[in-house]
Structure formats: structure tokens, C-alpha cells
N, C-alpha and C. Protein backbone atom coordinates (compact mmCIF):
# COMPACT_ATOMS: atom_id res chain seq x y z
N MET A 1 24.88 0.72 60.08
CA MET A 1 24.25 1.75 59.26
C MET A 1 24.16 1.31 57.80
N VAL A 2 25.26 0.79 57.23
CA VAL A 2 25.26 0.33 55.85
C VAL A 2 24.29 -0.84 55.69
N LYS A 3 24.27 -1.72 56.70
CA LYS A 3 23.37 -2.87 56.67
C LYS A 3 21.91 -2.39 56.66
N ALA A 4 21.60 -1.39 57.46
CA ALA A 4 20.23 -0.85 57.54
C ALA A 4 19.82 -0.24 56.20
N ILE A 5 20.72 0.46 55.54
CA ILE A 5 20.43 1.05 54.23
C ILE A 5 20.16 -0.05 53.21
N GLY A 6 20.95 -1.12 53.26
CA GLY A 6 20.75 -2.24 52.34
C GLY A 6 19.39 -2.87 52.54
N ILE A 7 18.97 -3.05 53.78
CA ILE A 7 17.66 -3.63 54.06
C ILE A 7 16.55 -2.71 53.57
N ILE A 8 16.69 -1.43 53.79
CA ILE A 8 15.67 -0.48 53.34
C ILE A 8 15.56 -0.49 51.82
N LEU A 9 16.70 -0.52 51.11
CA LEU A 9 16.67 -0.57 49.65
C LEU A 9 16.00 -1.85 49.15
N PHE A 10 16.30 -2.96 49.81
CA PHE A 10 15.68 -4.23 49.44
C PHE A 10 14.17 -4.16 49.61
N LEU A 11 13.71 -3.64 50.76
CA LEU A 11 12.28 -3.53 51.02
C LEU A 11 11.60 -2.61 50.03
N LEU A 12 12.24 -1.51 49.69
CA LEU A 12 11.66 -0.58 48.72
C LEU A 12 11.55 -1.21 47.35
N SER A 13 12.59 -1.95 46.94
CA SER A 13 12.52 -2.60 45.62
C SER A 13 11.46 -3.67 45.62
N SER A 14 11.31 -4.43 46.71
CA SER A 14 10.26 -5.45 46.78
C SER A 14 8.89 -4.80 46.74
N TRP A 15 8.72 -3.69 47.47
CA TRP A 15 7.44 -3.01 47.49
C TRP A 15 7.09 -2.47 46.12
N SER A 16 8.08 -1.91 45.41
CA SER A 16 7.78 -1.34 44.09
C SER A 16 7.40 -2.42 43.10
N ARG A 17 8.04 -3.61 43.19
CA ARG A 17 7.65 -4.70 42.30
C ARG A 17 6.23 -5.14 42.62
N HIS A 18 5.89 -5.21 43.91
CA HIS A 18 4.56 -5.65 44.31
C HIS A 18 3.50 -4.64 43.87
N SER A 19 3.76 -3.38 44.09
CA SER A 19 2.76 -2.37 43.78
C SER A 19 2.62 -2.14 42.28
N SER A 20 3.64 -2.48 41.50
CA SER A 20 3.53 -2.30 40.06
C SER A 20 2.91 -3.50 39.37
N GLY A 21 2.59 -4.54 40.14
CA GLY A 21 1.96 -5.71 39.55
C GLY A 21 2.94 -6.71 39.00
N LEU A 22 4.24 -6.48 39.12
CA LEU A 22 5.23 -7.40 38.59
C LEU A 22 5.51 -8.55 39.54
N PHE A 23 5.12 -8.42 40.78
CA PHE A 23 5.41 -9.44 41.76
C PHE A 23 4.13 -10.17 42.12
N THR A 24 4.15 -11.49 42.01
CA THR A 24 3.03 -12.28 42.47
C THR A 24 3.58 -13.45 43.25
N GLU A 25 2.78 -13.94 44.18
CA GLU A 25 3.26 -15.05 45.00
C GLU A 25 3.55 -16.27 44.15
N PHE A 26 2.64 -16.58 43.22
CA PHE A 26 2.86 -17.70 42.31
C PHE A 26 2.66 -17.20 40.90
N GLN A 27 3.58 -17.54 40.02
CA GLN A 27 3.49 -17.11 38.65
C GLN A 27 2.62 -18.05 37.81
N SER A 28 2.09 -19.12 38.38
CA SER A 28 1.35 -20.11 37.63
C SER A 28 0.19 -19.52 36.84
N ASP A 29 -0.48 -18.49 37.39
CA ASP A 29 -1.64 -17.95 36.71
C ASP A 29 -1.30 -17.40 35.33
N GLY A 30 -0.17 -16.72 35.19
CA GLY A 30 0.21 -16.13 33.92
C GLY A 30 1.33 -16.89 33.23
N LEU A 31 1.48 -18.14 33.56
CA LEU A 31 2.58 -18.95 33.06
C LEU A 31 2.43 -19.21 31.57
N THR A 32 3.44 -18.87 30.80
CA THR A 32 3.46 -19.13 29.38
C THR A 32 3.71 -20.62 29.15
N SER A 33 2.97 -21.22 28.25
CA SER A 33 3.15 -22.64 27.96
C SER A 33 4.50 -22.89 27.32
N GLY A 34 5.16 -23.98 27.72
CA GLY A 34 6.45 -24.35 27.17
C GLY A 34 7.25 -25.17 28.16
N ILE A 35 8.53 -25.37 27.84
CA ILE A 35 9.43 -26.14 28.69
C ILE A 35 10.40 -25.18 29.36
N TYR A 36 10.47 -25.26 30.67
CA TYR A 36 11.30 -24.40 31.51
C TYR A 36 12.43 -25.22 32.14
N ILE A 37 13.49 -24.54 32.55
CA ILE A 37 14.55 -25.17 33.34
C ILE A 37 14.19 -24.97 34.81
N LEU A 38 14.29 -26.04 35.60
CA LEU A 38 14.11 -25.89 37.04
C LEU A 38 15.33 -25.20 37.60
N THR A 39 15.13 -24.29 38.52
CA THR A 39 16.24 -23.57 39.13
C THR A 39 16.21 -23.78 40.64
N THR A 40 17.35 -23.58 41.25
CA THR A 40 17.47 -23.68 42.70
C THR A 40 18.14 -22.40 43.19
N PRO A 41 17.34 -21.49 43.77
CA PRO A 41 17.94 -20.25 44.26
C PRO A 41 18.78 -20.52 45.51
N PRO A 42 19.75 -19.66 45.78
CA PRO A 42 20.55 -19.83 47.00
C PRO A 42 19.65 -19.78 48.23
N LYS A 43 20.13 -20.38 49.32
CA LYS A 43 19.37 -20.36 50.56
C LYS A 43 19.08 -18.92 50.95
N LYS A 44 17.94 -18.73 51.57
CA LYS A 44 17.47 -17.43 52.06
C LYS A 44 17.16 -16.45 50.94
N VAL A 45 17.07 -16.92 49.71
CA VAL A 45 16.69 -16.07 48.59
C VAL A 45 15.39 -16.65 48.03
N ALA A 46 14.40 -15.80 47.92
CA ALA A 46 13.11 -16.25 47.39
C ALA A 46 13.22 -16.61 45.92
N CYS A 47 12.43 -17.57 45.52
CA CYS A 47 12.38 -17.95 44.11
C CYS A 47 11.74 -16.82 43.31
N PRO A 48 12.40 -16.35 42.25
CA PRO A 48 11.84 -15.25 41.47
C PRO A 48 10.66 -15.67 40.57
N ASN A 49 10.52 -16.97 40.31
CA ASN A 49 9.44 -17.44 39.43
C ASN A 49 8.95 -18.79 39.93
N GLU A 50 8.08 -18.75 40.91
CA GLU A 50 7.58 -19.97 41.55
C GLU A 50 6.29 -20.41 40.88
N ALA A 51 6.14 -21.71 40.70
CA ALA A 51 4.93 -22.28 40.09
C ALA A 51 4.55 -23.53 40.87
N ARG A 52 3.32 -23.97 40.65
CA ARG A 52 2.83 -25.17 41.33
C ARG A 52 2.60 -26.29 40.32
N MET A 53 2.90 -27.50 40.79
CA MET A 53 2.64 -28.69 39.99
C MET A 53 1.13 -28.96 39.99
N ILE A 54 0.61 -29.45 38.89
CA ILE A 54 -0.82 -29.74 38.79
C ILE A 54 -1.22 -30.94 39.65
N VAL A 55 -0.36 -31.96 39.74
CA VAL A 55 -0.78 -33.20 40.38
C VAL A 55 -0.63 -33.22 41.90
N ASN A 56 0.34 -32.52 42.44
CA ASN A 56 0.53 -32.60 43.89
C ASN A 56 0.60 -31.23 44.56
N GLY A 57 0.48 -30.17 43.79
CA GLY A 57 0.50 -28.83 44.35
C GLY A 57 1.86 -28.38 44.85
N GLN A 58 2.89 -29.19 44.62
CA GLN A 58 4.24 -28.85 45.08
C GLN A 58 4.72 -27.58 44.39
N LYS A 59 5.37 -26.71 45.15
CA LYS A 59 5.94 -25.49 44.59
C LYS A 59 7.31 -25.83 43.99
N ILE A 60 7.55 -25.31 42.80
CA ILE A 60 8.85 -25.47 42.17
C ILE A 60 9.31 -24.11 41.66
N CYS A 61 10.61 -23.98 41.50
CA CYS A 61 11.19 -22.74 41.00
C CYS A 61 11.66 -22.98 39.56
N ILE A 62 11.18 -22.15 38.64
CA ILE A 62 11.50 -22.34 37.23
C ILE A 62 12.10 -21.06 36.64
N SER A 63 12.75 -21.22 35.48
CA SER A 63 13.31 -20.06 34.79
C SER A 63 12.19 -19.07 34.45
N LYS A 64 12.56 -17.82 34.23
CA LYS A 64 11.55 -16.79 33.96
C LYS A 64 10.81 -17.02 32.64
N LYS A 65 11.51 -17.56 31.66
CA LYS A 65 10.90 -17.79 30.35
C LYS A 65 11.16 -19.24 29.93
N PRO A 66 10.28 -19.80 29.12
CA PRO A 66 10.53 -21.16 28.65
C PRO A 66 11.69 -21.19 27.66
N ILE A 67 12.45 -22.29 27.70
CA ILE A 67 13.53 -22.45 26.71
C ILE A 67 12.98 -23.02 25.42
N ILE A 68 11.82 -23.67 25.51
CA ILE A 68 11.16 -24.23 24.32
C ILE A 68 9.70 -23.81 24.38
N ALA A 69 9.24 -23.16 23.33
CA ALA A 69 7.85 -22.69 23.28
C ALA A 69 6.90 -23.86 23.06
N ALA A 70 5.66 -23.68 23.44
CA ALA A 70 4.65 -24.73 23.31
C ALA A 70 4.43 -25.14 21.86
N ASP A 71 4.66 -24.24 20.91
CA ASP A 71 4.45 -24.61 19.51
C ASP A 71 5.55 -25.54 18.98
N GLU A 72 6.55 -25.82 19.81
CA GLU A 72 7.58 -26.82 19.45
C GLU A 72 7.19 -28.22 19.91
N LEU A 73 6.07 -28.34 20.63
CA LEU A 73 5.55 -29.66 21.03
C LEU A 73 4.70 -30.19 19.88
N THR A 74 4.93 -31.42 19.47
CA THR A 74 4.26 -31.93 18.27
C THR A 74 3.16 -32.96 18.55
N TYR A 75 3.24 -33.70 19.65
CA TYR A 75 2.20 -34.68 19.94
C TYR A 75 2.30 -35.12 21.40
N ALA A 76 1.24 -35.74 21.86
CA ALA A 76 1.22 -36.44 23.14
C ALA A 76 0.46 -37.73 22.92
N THR A 77 1.04 -38.84 23.33
CA THR A 77 0.37 -40.13 23.16
C THR A 77 -0.72 -40.28 24.23
N ASP A 78 -1.58 -41.25 24.02
CA ASP A 78 -2.48 -41.66 25.10
C ASP A 78 -1.62 -42.33 26.16
N ILE A 79 -2.21 -42.67 27.26
CA ILE A 79 -1.47 -43.36 28.31
C ILE A 79 -1.13 -44.77 27.80
N GLU A 80 0.14 -45.08 27.82
CA GLU A 80 0.63 -46.39 27.37
C GLU A 80 1.11 -47.18 28.59
N TYR A 81 1.28 -48.49 28.40
CA TYR A 81 1.78 -49.35 29.47
C TYR A 81 2.97 -50.14 28.97
N ASP A 82 4.05 -50.15 29.73
CA ASP A 82 5.24 -50.92 29.40
C ASP A 82 5.30 -52.11 30.36
N PRO A 83 4.98 -53.32 29.85
CA PRO A 83 4.96 -54.49 30.74
C PRO A 83 6.34 -54.88 31.25
N ARG A 84 7.37 -54.55 30.49
CA ARG A 84 8.72 -54.89 30.93
C ARG A 84 9.09 -54.16 32.22
N TYR A 85 8.78 -52.86 32.26
CA TYR A 85 9.10 -52.05 33.44
C TYR A 85 7.89 -51.85 34.36
N GLU A 86 6.75 -52.39 33.93
CA GLU A 86 5.51 -52.31 34.70
C GLU A 86 5.16 -50.87 35.10
N LEU A 87 5.11 -50.00 34.08
CA LEU A 87 4.74 -48.62 34.35
C LEU A 87 3.93 -48.03 33.22
N HIS A 88 3.12 -47.06 33.58
CA HIS A 88 2.32 -46.30 32.62
C HIS A 88 3.08 -45.02 32.28
N TYR A 89 2.88 -44.53 31.06
CA TYR A 89 3.60 -43.33 30.64
C TYR A 89 2.88 -42.64 29.50
N ILE A 90 3.30 -41.42 29.25
CA ILE A 90 2.87 -40.63 28.09
C ILE A 90 4.14 -40.11 27.43
N ASP A 91 4.24 -40.25 26.12
CA ASP A 91 5.35 -39.65 25.38
C ASP A 91 4.88 -38.33 24.79
N ILE A 92 5.75 -37.33 24.85
CA ILE A 92 5.47 -36.02 24.28
C ILE A 92 6.55 -35.71 23.26
N GLY A 93 6.12 -35.42 22.03
CA GLY A 93 7.06 -35.20 20.94
C GLY A 93 7.48 -33.75 20.81
N LEU A 94 8.69 -33.58 20.29
CA LEU A 94 9.26 -32.25 20.05
C LEU A 94 9.57 -32.09 18.57
N SER A 95 9.46 -30.86 18.08
CA SER A 95 9.87 -30.55 16.72
C SER A 95 11.39 -30.69 16.63
N THR A 96 11.92 -30.64 15.44
CA THR A 96 13.37 -30.70 15.25
C THR A 96 14.06 -29.57 16.00
N THR A 97 13.50 -28.38 15.92
CA THR A 97 14.07 -27.22 16.62
C THR A 97 13.99 -27.41 18.13
N GLY A 98 12.83 -27.84 18.63
CA GLY A 98 12.66 -28.07 20.06
C GLY A 98 13.61 -29.14 20.57
N GLY A 99 13.75 -30.23 19.81
CA GLY A 99 14.66 -31.31 20.19
C GLY A 99 16.11 -30.86 20.24
N SER A 100 16.53 -30.06 19.25
CA SER A 100 17.92 -29.60 19.26
C SER A 100 18.16 -28.59 20.37
N THR A 101 17.17 -27.74 20.68
CA THR A 101 17.31 -26.81 21.80
C THR A 101 17.46 -27.56 23.11
N LEU A 102 16.63 -28.58 23.31
CA LEU A 102 16.71 -29.37 24.53
C LEU A 102 18.03 -30.12 24.60
N ALA A 103 18.48 -30.67 23.49
CA ALA A 103 19.76 -31.40 23.46
C ALA A 103 20.94 -30.49 23.80
N ARG A 104 20.96 -29.28 23.22
CA ARG A 104 22.05 -28.33 23.52
C ARG A 104 22.02 -27.92 25.00
N THR A 105 20.82 -27.72 25.53
CA THR A 105 20.69 -27.35 26.93
C THR A 105 21.19 -28.47 27.83
N VAL A 106 20.83 -29.69 27.51
CA VAL A 106 21.25 -30.84 28.32
C VAL A 106 22.76 -31.05 28.22
N GLN A 107 23.34 -30.80 27.06
CA GLN A 107 24.80 -30.92 26.93
C GLN A 107 25.51 -29.86 27.76
N SER A 108 24.95 -28.67 27.80
CA SER A 108 25.56 -27.58 28.58
C SER A 108 25.31 -27.73 30.08
N LEU A 109 24.13 -28.23 30.43
CA LEU A 109 23.72 -28.39 31.84
C LEU A 109 23.22 -29.82 32.04
N PRO A 110 24.13 -30.79 32.10
CA PRO A 110 23.73 -32.20 32.08
C PRO A 110 22.88 -32.66 33.27
N ASP A 111 22.94 -31.99 34.40
CA ASP A 111 22.16 -32.40 35.57
C ASP A 111 20.84 -31.65 35.68
N SER A 112 20.47 -30.95 34.64
CA SER A 112 19.26 -30.12 34.69
C SER A 112 18.00 -30.96 34.69
N ARG A 113 17.00 -30.40 35.33
CA ARG A 113 15.64 -30.93 35.26
C ARG A 113 14.80 -29.87 34.58
N PHE A 114 13.75 -30.31 33.91
CA PHE A 114 12.91 -29.42 33.13
C PHE A 114 11.46 -29.55 33.56
N ALA A 115 10.69 -28.50 33.36
CA ALA A 115 9.27 -28.49 33.71
C ALA A 115 8.47 -28.15 32.46
N LEU A 116 7.44 -28.93 32.22
CA LEU A 116 6.52 -28.66 31.12
C LEU A 116 5.30 -27.94 31.68
N ALA A 117 5.04 -26.75 31.18
CA ALA A 117 3.88 -25.96 31.60
C ALA A 117 2.93 -25.83 30.42
N LEU A 118 1.66 -26.11 30.68
CA LEU A 118 0.62 -25.96 29.67
C LEU A 118 -0.60 -25.34 30.33
N GLU A 119 -1.22 -24.41 29.63
CA GLU A 119 -2.44 -23.78 30.10
C GLU A 119 -2.30 -23.24 31.53
N GLY A 120 -1.16 -22.62 31.83
CA GLY A 120 -0.95 -22.00 33.13
C GLY A 120 -0.63 -22.94 34.27
N GLN A 121 -0.36 -24.22 33.96
CA GLN A 121 -0.08 -25.21 35.00
C GLN A 121 1.19 -25.98 34.67
N VAL A 122 1.97 -26.30 35.70
CA VAL A 122 3.13 -27.16 35.48
C VAL A 122 2.62 -28.59 35.46
N ILE A 123 2.78 -29.24 34.34
CA ILE A 123 2.25 -30.57 34.12
C ILE A 123 3.18 -31.64 34.70
N CYS A 124 4.48 -31.48 34.44
CA CYS A 124 5.42 -32.50 34.89
C CYS A 124 6.83 -31.92 34.96
N VAL A 125 7.68 -32.66 35.65
CA VAL A 125 9.10 -32.37 35.72
C VAL A 125 9.81 -33.59 35.15
N PHE A 126 10.85 -33.37 34.33
CA PHE A 126 11.55 -34.50 33.72
C PHE A 126 13.02 -34.17 33.54
N ARG A 127 13.80 -35.22 33.31
CA ARG A 127 15.21 -35.10 32.94
C ARG A 127 15.34 -35.61 31.51
N ALA A 128 16.38 -35.17 30.82
CA ALA A 128 16.67 -35.65 29.48
C ALA A 128 18.07 -36.23 29.48
N ASP A 129 18.24 -37.31 28.74
CA ASP A 129 19.53 -38.00 28.68
C ASP A 129 20.41 -37.34 27.62
N PRO A 130 21.58 -36.81 28.01
CA PRO A 130 22.43 -36.10 27.04
C PRO A 130 23.06 -37.03 26.00
N THR A 131 23.01 -38.34 26.21
CA THR A 131 23.63 -39.27 25.26
C THR A 131 22.67 -39.68 24.13
N LEU A 132 21.40 -39.30 24.26
CA LEU A 132 20.40 -39.70 23.26
C LEU A 132 20.00 -38.52 22.39
N ALA A 133 19.60 -38.83 21.16
CA ALA A 133 18.99 -37.81 20.31
C ALA A 133 17.60 -37.55 20.90
N ILE A 134 17.27 -36.30 21.11
CA ILE A 134 16.03 -35.98 21.82
C ILE A 134 14.98 -35.52 20.83
N SER A 135 14.01 -36.38 20.57
CA SER A 135 12.88 -35.98 19.72
C SER A 135 11.58 -36.08 20.50
N SER A 136 11.65 -36.67 21.70
CA SER A 136 10.48 -36.75 22.57
C SER A 136 10.97 -36.98 24.00
N PHE A 137 10.05 -36.86 24.94
CA PHE A 137 10.38 -37.20 26.32
C PHE A 137 9.20 -37.93 26.92
N ARG A 138 9.48 -38.72 27.93
CA ARG A 138 8.47 -39.58 28.55
C ARG A 138 8.17 -39.10 29.96
N ILE A 139 6.88 -39.04 30.27
CA ILE A 139 6.48 -38.70 31.63
C ILE A 139 5.64 -39.83 32.20
N GLY A 140 5.71 -40.01 33.49
CA GLY A 140 4.85 -40.99 34.14
C GLY A 140 5.55 -42.00 34.99
N SER A 141 6.85 -42.17 34.82
CA SER A 141 7.53 -43.23 35.56
C SER A 141 7.60 -42.98 37.06
N ASP A 142 7.43 -41.73 37.46
CA ASP A 142 7.57 -41.41 38.89
C ASP A 142 6.28 -40.88 39.51
N ILE A 143 5.14 -41.10 38.83
CA ILE A 143 3.86 -40.66 39.39
C ILE A 143 2.84 -41.77 39.31
N THR A 144 1.75 -41.60 40.03
CA THR A 144 0.70 -42.63 40.05
C THR A 144 -0.12 -42.57 38.77
N LEU A 145 -0.83 -43.64 38.50
CA LEU A 145 -1.71 -43.68 37.33
C LEU A 145 -2.81 -42.62 37.44
N LYS A 146 -3.30 -42.39 38.64
CA LYS A 146 -4.33 -41.36 38.86
C LYS A 146 -3.78 -39.99 38.46
N ASP A 147 -2.55 -39.68 38.86
CA ASP A 147 -1.94 -38.40 38.50
C ASP A 147 -1.67 -38.33 37.00
N LEU A 148 -1.26 -39.44 36.41
CA LEU A 148 -1.02 -39.49 34.97
C LEU A 148 -2.32 -39.24 34.21
N ASN A 149 -3.42 -39.75 34.72
CA ASN A 149 -4.73 -39.49 34.10
C ASN A 149 -5.08 -38.00 34.17
N ALA A 150 -4.77 -37.34 35.28
CA ALA A 150 -5.02 -35.90 35.40
C ALA A 150 -4.20 -35.13 34.37
N ILE A 151 -2.96 -35.52 34.20
CA ILE A 151 -2.09 -34.89 33.19
C ILE A 151 -2.64 -35.14 31.79
N HIS A 152 -3.08 -36.36 31.54
CA HIS A 152 -3.63 -36.72 30.24
C HIS A 152 -4.85 -35.87 29.90
N GLU A 153 -5.69 -35.58 30.90
CA GLU A 153 -6.86 -34.73 30.67
C GLU A 153 -6.46 -33.34 30.18
N VAL A 154 -5.39 -32.79 30.73
CA VAL A 154 -4.90 -31.48 30.28
C VAL A 154 -4.34 -31.61 28.86
N LEU A 155 -3.56 -32.66 28.62
CA LEU A 155 -2.93 -32.84 27.30
C LEU A 155 -3.96 -33.04 26.20
N LYS A 156 -5.09 -33.63 26.51
CA LYS A 156 -6.14 -33.86 25.50
C LYS A 156 -6.68 -32.55 24.96
N ASN A 157 -6.59 -31.48 25.73
CA ASN A 157 -7.13 -30.19 25.29
C ASN A 157 -6.11 -29.32 24.56
N VAL A 158 -4.89 -29.80 24.45
CA VAL A 158 -3.83 -29.03 23.78
C VAL A 158 -3.81 -29.35 22.30
N LYS A 159 -3.72 -28.30 21.49
CA LYS A 159 -3.60 -28.48 20.04
C LYS A 159 -2.11 -28.50 19.70
N PHE A 160 -1.62 -29.64 19.24
CA PHE A 160 -0.22 -29.78 18.90
C PHE A 160 0.02 -29.47 17.44
N ASN A 161 1.25 -29.03 17.13
CA ASN A 161 1.61 -28.71 15.74
C ASN A 161 2.02 -29.94 14.96
């Protein structure tokens, strides 16, 4: 009986969120630009804020709000090539405030991964090294050049501070 009441309450709360417009299958459409923390909900619990990656369509679970706003991003380089490591990449710069926020977050949650969302799309997922001063981050080491070009196309349309 208690179990049945719990299920009914859960269904009612889910229905009310859906009917009030607060619940959507994917939050990517209304995604605020910025840097989010990737989250892992417990098994059998739906992700409260699911988004899709731009390059592969993979679903990821992110925090409800960005920890760093898009206006804390200062630049994005063109696609560069590192002959030593034989990889293409893009560096994205952070303001002093954005860098210190990311550094504090990494110190508190050293195994965290982060997602950069721009223009309603998750552009990339990255890790930050807690031993380094963080003024920028690099994307591209784990994706194809074709995917990096798709990301670069989005970044070209962003106005950085």
C-alpha cells in the first residue's frame, strides 16, 4: 500500500512537471551557453538535465545551470596542429574569473568532467588538470578532424569578450 502511494505521488509529480512545461525530453533547445559539470545520476533515475553532443548526438547529463557563464569565455583559436602529438585542437580562453571558478571546481571535484554549451548545443566535453593554472582549455584530442571542423563552425559565430 505504501509502495503504491509512493508510485502514484511520483507519477503525479512527473505529470505536473510535464504539463507545466518544465519537463522536456532534452534540455538542449533551451540550453544556456556556458560550462556545465557532467553528472551521473544513480541507476534507475532519469537524468534531470539531459543534452546532446553536437558531433555525435550522444546524450549526456549535465548540471542544471552552468558554473561558468558564456561571457567568461574570451577567445577560441582556429584549428591548430601539434606535430609532436600528431593531433588537431582548438584552445578556448577563460577570463580571470572563469579560470578561477574552474580551478576551484576542479580542486573540489578533481575527477569532474565539464561540458561546453554554446547556442543551445553541447560543443565538447573536457577535463581540467587541478595542478595547472587554468586560463584556457583544449578540445580536439579525442575527436576526429571532421568533428573538430563542425565545432569550429559553431565557435566562429560566437562573439567572445
